[in-house]
Amino acid sequence: MAIKHFNQLLNKYADLIAQVGINVKPGQDIIIYAEIDQADLVHRIMAAAYKLGANQVIVEWKDTILQREFLKHADQATLLSMPTWFSVRAESLMANHTSRISIVSSDPDGFSDVPSDRVSLYEQAYQRANSAVRQATMNNDVSWLVVAAAGKEWAQKVFNDLSADEATAKLWQEIFNINRISLENDVVADWQAHINTLNKKAAWLNQQNFKALHYHSTKTDLTIGLAEDHVWEAAESFNKAGNRFVPNMPTEEVFTSPDYRHITGTVQSTKPLSYSGVLITDIKLTFEDGHVVAADATNGLETLQQLIKTDAGAASLGEVSLVPHDSPISNSNIVFYTTLIDENASDHLALGAAYPSNIKNGTQMAVAERQAKGQNDSLVHVDFMIGSSDMAIDGVDQNGHLVPVFRNGNWA
């Protein structure tokens, strides 16, 4: 199955990524992280970025097969010791305010045959060595963006009744649809209208200044305190230079920072989570005094437990995000097996670090100052999906009164 006018649609996608996603400015440096089978899209993004005045576009290629074999066969000392040049390069990229584009396209279950402890050891070593990039990204010091591209293994996971070529074409069509790309439309104008709609939701939530949120469904009964001086954000963010960018495409969410000290109850996932190349399904977490005290999963439990043990912050939450069940991605009734897309079909939470921008003046604060206001800190930030058609969410105001926020999975 071929997509009619595929080249024109892919060019519009590349232009959208460069013009709206990263919002390339003259003289800007950009690094693109991509699988080796996505060279076509990378080349088009590169061309669009240079057209907008980029100084240089660097590409870091990835190969799931190469990485899988390394994780299976390298000795433990090698898994734990990233080369010195890796940290030096990360620091150099961020010192130069290099914008980041990450293209998601790999098999979401690509490391399922690798022992979970080996995956976890390497992931922790990688995060420590890459801390300059992680901190600059979380703090919005640089513009950053995560987007999707159709890889064959991923496509066949999503559309397992189709041939590889048919599944890949189908996945490309869905990626275009959820990113508002068609031959006829003005995609930049459509995205601006969408951003404005989400900003209105965030503005209403900021006016409410809730003390906590209470989630209730057949699977979840959870109360999450919100950080002191928390700020709800939507599709757009601003980097240190004041330039706007859109971190995720697609996006349907508004999000803020929980208070990691005040989380109580039980929550269950409603969609699979792909973490470090392993699918984790039917996650169930119980929180007391802000931290996970019990964890379960149908598949990937060991990987989930390793994630929670990463550090003290990994056992608490760094993000609460609201997404209506009646949204374009949810209404497609497709499970995409990647957080980038599935989190925009569902309310979600994130284990680990909070975004500093989710509290007032947070990007100018030290970690200890942000923690004093309830923001969590960790090496990791991992979203998992909890939304459903029966989800009810109430805001708890400063006087303890309940204000309906969501009913039957949608805005109240």
Protein backbone atom coordinates (compact mmCIF):
# COMPACT_ATOMS: atom_id res chain seq x y z
CA MET A 1 0.00 0.00 0.00
CA ALA A 2 1.57 3.24 -1.16
CA ILE A 3 0.58 6.67 0.12
CA LYS A 4 -0.47 9.10 -2.58
CA HIS A 5 1.68 12.23 -2.64
CA PHE A 6 3.97 10.77 0.05
CA ASN A 7 6.89 13.06 -0.86
CA GLN A 8 4.78 16.19 -0.54
CA LEU A 9 3.39 15.06 2.83
CA LEU A 10 6.84 14.13 4.14
CA ASN A 11 8.16 17.54 3.05
CA LYS A 12 5.31 19.25 4.95
CA TYR A 13 6.20 17.16 8.00
CA ALA A 14 9.86 18.13 7.79
CA ASP A 15 8.92 21.81 7.39
CA LEU A 16 6.57 21.58 10.39
CA ILE A 17 9.33 20.04 12.53
CA ALA A 18 11.81 22.76 11.60
CA GLN A 19 9.47 25.76 11.52
CA VAL A 20 7.07 25.07 14.43
CA GLY A 21 8.61 22.23 16.41
CA ILE A 22 12.14 23.55 16.86
CA ASN A 23 11.39 26.99 15.38
CA VAL A 24 14.83 27.25 13.79
CA LYS A 25 16.53 30.64 14.11
CA PRO A 26 19.42 31.96 11.97
CA GLY A 27 22.78 30.73 13.26
CA GLN A 28 21.23 27.92 15.31
CA ASP A 29 22.97 24.54 15.75
CA ILE A 30 20.81 21.40 15.74
CA ILE A 31 21.43 17.76 16.54
CA ILE A 32 19.09 15.06 15.22
CA TYR A 33 18.91 11.61 16.86
CA ALA A 34 17.52 9.03 14.45
CA GLU A 35 17.55 5.35 13.49
CA ILE A 36 19.58 4.51 10.41
CA ASP A 37 16.46 3.64 8.40
CA GLN A 38 15.13 7.20 8.72
CA ALA A 39 17.73 8.92 6.53
CA ASP A 40 15.08 10.22 4.12
CA LEU A 41 13.21 12.17 6.80
CA VAL A 42 16.47 13.34 8.39
CA HIS A 43 17.69 14.74 5.08
CA ARG A 44 14.44 16.64 4.57
CA ILE A 45 14.54 18.09 8.10
CA MET A 46 18.15 19.11 7.47
CA ALA A 47 17.18 20.87 4.25
CA ALA A 48 14.27 22.66 5.97
CA ALA A 49 16.52 23.75 8.86
CA TYR A 50 19.23 25.13 6.58
CA LYS A 51 16.56 26.99 4.59
CA LEU A 52 15.55 28.72 7.84
CA GLY A 53 19.16 29.74 8.52
CA ALA A 54 20.57 26.93 10.70
CA ASN A 55 24.35 27.10 11.19
CA GLN A 56 24.97 23.35 11.28
CA VAL A 57 22.86 20.21 11.54
CA ILE A 58 24.55 17.29 13.30
CA VAL A 59 23.13 13.77 13.09
CA GLU A 60 23.62 10.98 15.64
CA TRP A 61 22.57 7.71 14.03
CA LYS A 62 21.19 4.82 16.08
CA ASP A 63 20.84 1.12 15.24
CA THR A 64 18.60 -1.06 17.42
CA ILE A 65 20.27 -4.31 16.29
CA LEU A 66 23.75 -3.01 17.10
CA GLN A 67 22.58 -1.73 20.49
CA ARG A 68 20.78 -4.97 21.32
CA GLU A 69 23.85 -7.10 20.60
CA PHE A 70 26.03 -4.77 22.68
CA LEU A 71 23.64 -5.00 25.64
CA LYS A 72 23.55 -8.79 25.40
CA HIS A 73 27.29 -9.41 25.12
CA ALA A 74 29.33 -6.57 26.69
CA ASP A 75 30.75 -7.29 30.15
CA GLN A 76 29.24 -5.49 33.14
CA ALA A 77 32.18 -3.13 33.55
CA THR A 78 31.68 -1.90 29.98
CA LEU A 79 27.94 -1.40 30.53
CA LEU A 80 28.70 0.75 33.56
CA SER A 81 31.50 2.90 32.12
CA MET A 82 30.60 5.37 29.42
CA PRO A 83 33.67 6.75 27.60
CA THR A 84 34.95 10.14 28.75
CA TRP A 85 34.33 11.71 25.36
CA PHE A 86 30.60 11.06 25.71
CA SER A 87 30.18 13.44 28.68
CA VAL A 88 32.55 15.99 27.14
CA ARG A 89 30.51 15.98 23.93
CA ALA A 90 27.23 16.34 25.85
CA GLU A 91 28.59 19.33 27.76
CA SER A 92 29.92 20.90 24.56
CA LEU A 93 26.58 20.54 22.75
CA MET A 94 24.67 22.20 25.56
CA ALA A 95 27.28 24.92 26.10
CA ASN A 96 26.66 25.77 22.45
CA HIS A 97 22.85 25.77 23.04
CA THR A 98 22.41 23.08 20.39
CA SER A 99 18.73 22.34 19.72
CA ARG A 100 17.67 18.69 19.83
CA ILE A 101 15.34 16.67 17.58
CA SER A 102 14.68 13.06 18.62
CA ILE A 103 12.95 10.84 16.05
CA VAL A 104 11.09 7.86 17.52
CA SER A 105 10.83 4.93 15.09
CA SER A 106 12.39 1.81 16.62
CA ASP A 107 10.80 -1.47 17.69
CA PRO A 108 9.10 -0.73 21.04
CA ASP A 109 9.94 -4.24 22.22
CA GLY A 110 13.37 -4.41 20.61
CA PHE A 111 15.28 -5.33 23.77
CA SER A 112 12.78 -7.85 25.17
CA ASP A 113 15.35 -10.67 24.94
CA VAL A 114 18.00 -8.72 26.88
CA PRO A 115 18.14 -9.32 30.67
CA SER A 116 16.43 -6.35 32.32
CA ASP A 117 19.25 -5.78 34.81
CA ARG A 118 21.70 -5.26 31.91
CA VAL A 119 19.36 -2.77 30.25
CA SER A 120 18.92 -0.95 33.56
CA LEU A 121 22.65 -0.78 34.32
CA TYR A 122 23.42 0.73 30.92
CA GLU A 123 20.46 3.15 31.06
CA GLN A 124 21.63 4.51 34.42
CA ALA A 125 25.24 4.88 33.21
CA TYR A 126 23.98 6.62 30.06
CA GLN A 127 21.80 9.05 32.01
CA ARG A 128 24.65 9.98 34.35
CA ALA A 129 27.08 10.56 31.49
CA ASN A 130 24.44 12.48 29.53
CA SER A 131 23.41 14.64 32.49
CA ALA A 132 24.36 17.91 30.77
CA VAL A 133 21.90 17.20 27.96
CA ARG A 134 19.20 15.90 30.31
CA GLN A 135 19.42 18.93 32.61
CA ALA A 136 19.44 21.45 29.77
CA THR A 137 16.44 19.72 28.21
CA MET A 138 14.40 19.48 31.43
CA ASN A 139 15.21 23.12 32.17
CA ASN A 140 14.29 24.28 28.62
CA ASP A 141 17.71 25.87 28.27
CA VAL A 142 17.61 24.66 24.66
CA SER A 143 14.81 23.97 22.20
CA TRP A 144 13.97 20.28 21.95
CA LEU A 145 11.47 18.14 20.12
CA VAL A 146 10.36 14.50 19.97
CA VAL A 147 8.60 13.31 16.80
CA ALA A 148 7.73 9.98 15.19
CA ALA A 149 8.70 8.23 11.98
CA ALA A 150 7.44 4.88 10.71
CA GLY A 151 9.95 2.06 11.27
CA LYS A 152 9.02 -1.37 9.87
CA GLU A 153 9.34 -3.32 13.13
CA TRP A 154 7.32 -0.72 15.01
CA ALA A 155 4.69 -0.56 12.24
CA GLN A 156 4.19 -4.33 12.30
CA LYS A 157 3.74 -4.19 16.08
CA VAL A 158 0.93 -1.65 15.62
CA PHE A 159 -0.66 -3.23 12.53
CA ASN A 160 0.18 -6.91 12.93
CA ASP A 161 -2.39 -8.06 10.36
CA LEU A 162 -0.60 -6.25 7.51
CA SER A 163 2.57 -6.96 5.56
CA ALA A 164 5.68 -4.98 6.50
CA ASP A 165 5.28 -2.53 3.61
CA GLU A 166 1.53 -2.11 4.16
CA ALA A 167 1.99 -1.60 7.90
CA THR A 168 4.72 0.98 7.35
CA ALA A 169 2.59 2.95 4.90
CA LYS A 170 -0.39 2.76 7.27
CA LEU A 171 1.73 4.03 10.18
CA TRP A 172 3.08 6.91 8.08
CA GLN A 173 -0.51 7.89 7.21
CA GLU A 174 -1.48 7.87 10.89
CA ILE A 175 1.57 9.99 11.79
CA PHE A 176 0.54 12.54 9.17
CA ASN A 177 -3.07 12.52 10.43
CA ILE A 178 -2.27 13.04 14.13
CA ASN A 179 0.13 15.85 13.22
CA ARG A 180 -2.59 17.65 11.21
CA ILE A 181 -0.81 17.21 7.88
CA SER A 182 -2.73 17.02 4.63
CA LEU A 183 -2.08 18.22 1.10
CA GLU A 184 -4.64 21.03 1.27
CA ASN A 185 -4.25 22.56 4.72
CA ASP A 186 -2.07 25.31 6.11
CA VAL A 187 -0.42 23.10 8.70
CA VAL A 188 1.32 25.97 10.51
CA ALA A 189 -1.98 27.86 10.96
CA ASP A 190 -3.75 24.69 12.12
CA TRP A 191 -1.05 24.06 14.69
CA GLN A 192 -1.26 27.62 15.97
CA ALA A 193 -5.03 27.26 16.47
CA HIS A 194 -4.46 23.97 18.32
CA ILE A 195 -1.81 25.54 20.57
CA ASN A 196 -4.20 28.39 21.40
CA THR A 197 -6.92 25.91 22.43
CA LEU A 198 -4.58 24.03 24.77
CA ASN A 199 -3.25 27.30 26.22
CA LYS A 200 -6.80 28.26 27.25
CA LYS A 201 -7.12 25.02 29.23
CA ALA A 202 -3.79 25.65 30.96
CA ALA A 203 -4.82 29.23 31.76
CA TRP A 204 -8.06 28.05 33.43
CA LEU A 205 -6.15 25.52 35.55
CA ASN A 206 -3.64 28.18 36.59
CA GLN A 207 -6.50 30.43 37.69
CA GLN A 208 -7.87 27.62 39.89
CA ASN A 209 -4.54 27.09 41.69
CA PHE A 210 -5.63 23.69 42.98
CA LYS A 211 -3.96 22.20 46.03
CA ALA A 212 -4.40 18.64 44.75
CA LEU A 213 -6.08 16.44 42.14
CA HIS A 214 -8.17 13.37 42.94
CA TYR A 215 -8.38 10.66 40.24
CA HIS A 216 -11.13 8.05 40.36
CA SER A 217 -12.09 5.23 37.94
CA THR A 218 -12.69 1.50 38.10
CA LYS A 219 -8.89 1.02 38.10
CA THR A 220 -7.62 4.10 39.93
CA ASP A 221 -8.19 5.91 43.22
CA LEU A 222 -5.34 8.37 43.65
CA THR A 223 -4.84 11.78 45.25
CA ILE A 224 -1.90 13.85 44.01
CA GLY A 225 -0.82 17.03 45.74
CA LEU A 226 0.38 19.82 43.45
CA ALA A 227 3.68 21.62 44.00
CA GLU A 228 3.72 25.03 45.62
CA ASP A 229 3.57 27.77 42.94
CA HIS A 230 2.93 25.12 40.28
CA VAL A 231 2.36 26.24 36.67
CA TRP A 232 0.24 24.41 34.10
CA GLU A 233 1.76 24.35 30.61
CA ALA A 234 0.43 23.20 27.27
CA ALA A 235 1.88 22.60 23.80
CA GLU A 236 4.39 25.43 23.63
CA SER A 237 7.52 26.09 25.67
CA PHE A 238 10.20 28.77 25.57
CA ASN A 239 13.95 28.25 25.67
CA LYS A 240 16.48 30.30 27.60
CA ALA A 241 16.74 32.80 24.74
CA GLY A 242 12.96 33.31 24.80
CA ASN A 243 12.30 31.44 21.54
CA ARG A 244 9.14 29.35 21.34
CA PHE A 245 9.26 25.63 20.51
CA VAL A 246 6.85 22.68 20.70
CA PRO A 247 8.51 19.77 22.57
CA ASN A 248 6.17 16.99 21.40
CA MET A 249 4.45 16.44 18.08
CA PRO A 250 1.69 15.33 18.33
CA THR A 251 0.49 16.90 21.57
CA GLU A 252 -2.92 17.05 23.22
CA GLU A 253 -1.88 17.59 26.86
CA VAL A 254 -1.74 20.18 29.58
CA PHE A 255 0.65 19.31 32.41
CA THR A 256 2.17 20.47 35.67
CA SER A 257 4.28 19.41 38.62
CA PRO A 258 2.95 17.26 41.46
CA ASP A 259 4.16 17.55 45.03
CA TYR A 260 6.23 14.40 45.38
CA ARG A 261 5.68 14.38 49.15
CA HIS A 262 1.87 14.18 48.94
CA ILE A 263 0.70 11.30 46.74
CA THR A 264 -1.58 8.59 48.14
CA GLY A 265 -3.57 5.74 46.61
CA THR A 266 -3.49 3.27 43.75
CA VAL A 267 -3.22 3.81 40.01
CA GLN A 268 -3.29 1.40 37.06
CA SER A 269 -2.05 1.93 33.52
CA THR A 270 -4.46 1.72 30.60
CA LYS A 271 -1.92 1.43 27.77
CA PRO A 272 1.41 -0.40 27.40
CA LEU A 273 4.65 1.43 28.24
CA SER A 274 7.76 0.90 26.12
CA TYR A 275 10.75 1.62 28.33
CA SER A 276 14.34 0.92 27.24
CA GLY A 277 13.10 -1.38 24.50
CA VAL A 278 10.87 -3.46 26.81
CA LEU A 279 7.07 -3.41 26.85
CA ILE A 280 5.54 -3.09 30.32
CA THR A 281 1.81 -3.81 30.50
CA ASP A 282 -0.91 -3.45 33.15
CA ILE A 283 1.20 -1.39 35.56
CA LYS A 284 -0.26 -1.09 39.05
CA LEU A 285 1.36 1.24 41.57
CA THR A 286 0.45 1.97 45.18
CA PHE A 287 1.67 5.22 46.74
CA GLU A 288 2.05 6.18 50.38
CA ASP A 289 3.50 9.51 51.53
CA GLY A 290 4.50 10.33 47.97
CA HIS A 291 6.42 7.18 47.06
CA VAL A 292 5.70 3.81 45.45
CA VAL A 293 5.32 1.11 48.11
CA ALA A 294 4.05 -1.66 45.80
CA ALA A 295 4.42 -2.24 42.06
CA ASP A 296 3.01 -4.90 39.74
CA ALA A 297 2.73 -5.53 35.99
CA THR A 298 1.54 -8.34 33.74
CA ASN A 299 4.65 -8.09 31.53
CA GLY A 300 7.95 -6.31 32.16
CA LEU A 301 7.65 -6.29 35.95
CA GLU A 302 11.37 -6.71 36.48
CA THR A 303 12.10 -3.76 34.19
CA LEU A 304 9.50 -1.67 36.06
CA GLN A 305 11.08 -2.56 39.39
CA GLN A 306 14.54 -1.66 38.09
CA LEU A 307 13.17 1.69 36.88
CA ILE A 308 11.68 2.48 40.29
CA LYS A 309 14.99 1.61 41.97
CA THR A 310 17.02 3.97 39.73
CA ASP A 311 17.24 6.50 42.58
CA ALA A 312 15.04 7.93 45.33
CA GLY A 313 13.19 10.21 42.92
CA ALA A 314 12.28 7.40 40.53
CA ALA A 315 9.81 6.04 43.11
CA SER A 316 7.73 9.24 43.01
CA LEU A 317 6.07 11.43 40.38
CA GLY A 318 7.41 14.38 38.41
CA GLU A 319 4.48 15.16 36.10
CA VAL A 320 0.69 15.06 36.02
CA SER A 321 -0.86 15.50 32.60
CA LEU A 322 -4.46 15.86 31.47
CA VAL A 323 -5.60 14.59 28.05
CA PRO A 324 -9.28 14.16 27.10
CA HIS A 325 -10.38 10.64 26.17
CA ASP A 326 -12.28 12.17 23.24
CA SER A 327 -9.13 13.28 21.43
CA PRO A 328 -7.98 12.49 17.86
CA ILE A 329 -5.41 9.87 18.88
CA SER A 330 -7.72 8.19 21.37
CA ASN A 331 -10.55 8.15 18.83
CA SER A 332 -8.33 6.33 16.34
CA ASN A 333 -8.57 3.29 18.67
CA ILE A 334 -4.95 2.48 17.84
CA VAL A 335 -2.40 1.54 20.47
CA PHE A 336 0.89 2.88 19.12
CA TYR A 337 3.21 1.26 21.71
CA THR A 338 5.22 4.45 22.06
CA THR A 339 4.80 7.01 24.82
CA LEU A 340 5.19 9.96 22.44
CA ILE A 341 1.84 9.15 20.82
CA ASP A 342 -0.01 7.06 23.40
CA GLU A 343 0.44 9.70 26.11
CA ASN A 344 -1.49 12.09 23.87
CA ALA A 345 -4.45 9.71 23.86
CA SER A 346 -4.63 9.44 27.62
CA ASP A 347 -4.17 11.15 30.96
CA HIS A 348 -0.71 10.24 32.13
CA LEU A 349 1.76 10.52 34.98
CA ALA A 350 5.55 10.43 34.97
CA LEU A 351 7.82 8.65 37.38
CA GLY A 352 10.95 10.66 38.15
CA ALA A 353 12.05 14.23 37.54
CA ALA A 354 9.80 17.28 37.30
CA TYR A 355 10.20 20.03 34.72
CA PRO A 356 11.59 23.15 36.44
CA SER A 357 9.31 25.32 34.27
CA ASN A 358 6.30 23.78 36.02
CA ILE A 359 6.78 26.06 39.04
CA LYS A 360 7.14 29.84 39.04
CA ASN A 361 10.76 30.83 38.38
CA GLY A 362 11.76 27.17 38.65
CA THR A 363 14.30 27.41 35.83
CA GLN A 364 16.29 29.87 37.97
CA MET A 365 16.21 27.72 41.11
CA ALA A 366 18.65 25.17 42.46
CA VAL A 367 17.37 21.60 42.82
CA ALA A 368 17.09 21.94 46.62
CA GLU A 369 14.93 25.07 46.26
CA ARG A 370 12.58 23.29 43.86
CA GLN A 371 12.38 20.24 46.10
CA ALA A 372 11.36 22.49 48.98
CA LYS A 373 8.32 23.46 46.89
CA GLY A 374 7.53 19.80 46.18
CA GLN A 375 9.24 19.21 42.83
CA ASN A 376 10.77 15.79 42.38
CA ASP A 377 14.31 15.17 41.09
CA SER A 378 15.68 12.02 39.46
CA LEU A 379 17.87 10.69 36.66
CA VAL A 380 14.72 9.48 34.89
CA HIS A 381 11.43 10.88 33.61
CA VAL A 382 9.13 8.10 32.35
CA ASP A 383 5.50 8.70 31.39
CA PHE A 384 2.82 6.01 31.71
CA MET A 385 -0.80 6.22 30.60
CA ILE A 386 -3.77 6.05 33.01
CA GLY A 387 -6.69 7.70 31.19
CA SER A 388 -9.98 5.95 30.41
CA SER A 389 -13.57 6.67 29.41
CA ASP A 390 -14.68 6.41 33.05
CA MET A 391 -11.97 8.63 34.55
CA ALA A 392 -13.19 11.37 36.89
CA ILE A 393 -10.79 14.04 38.15
CA ASP A 394 -11.58 16.65 40.77
CA GLY A 395 -9.47 19.62 41.69
CA VAL A 396 -9.14 20.24 45.44
CA ASP A 397 -9.06 24.00 46.03
CA GLN A 398 -7.17 25.76 48.81
CA ASN A 399 -10.23 25.46 51.08
CA GLY A 400 -10.68 21.73 50.45
CA HIS A 401 -13.65 22.11 48.11
CA LEU A 402 -13.90 19.83 45.07
CA VAL A 403 -14.13 21.32 41.56
CA PRO A 404 -14.93 18.97 38.64
CA VAL A 405 -12.09 18.90 36.08
CA PHE A 406 -12.79 15.68 34.15
CA ARG A 407 -15.92 13.56 33.89
CA ASN A 408 -16.20 10.37 31.82
CA GLY A 409 -12.65 10.91 30.62
CA ASN A 410 -13.23 14.40 29.22
CA TRP A 411 -13.09 18.01 30.36
CA ALA A 412 -15.93 18.82 32.73
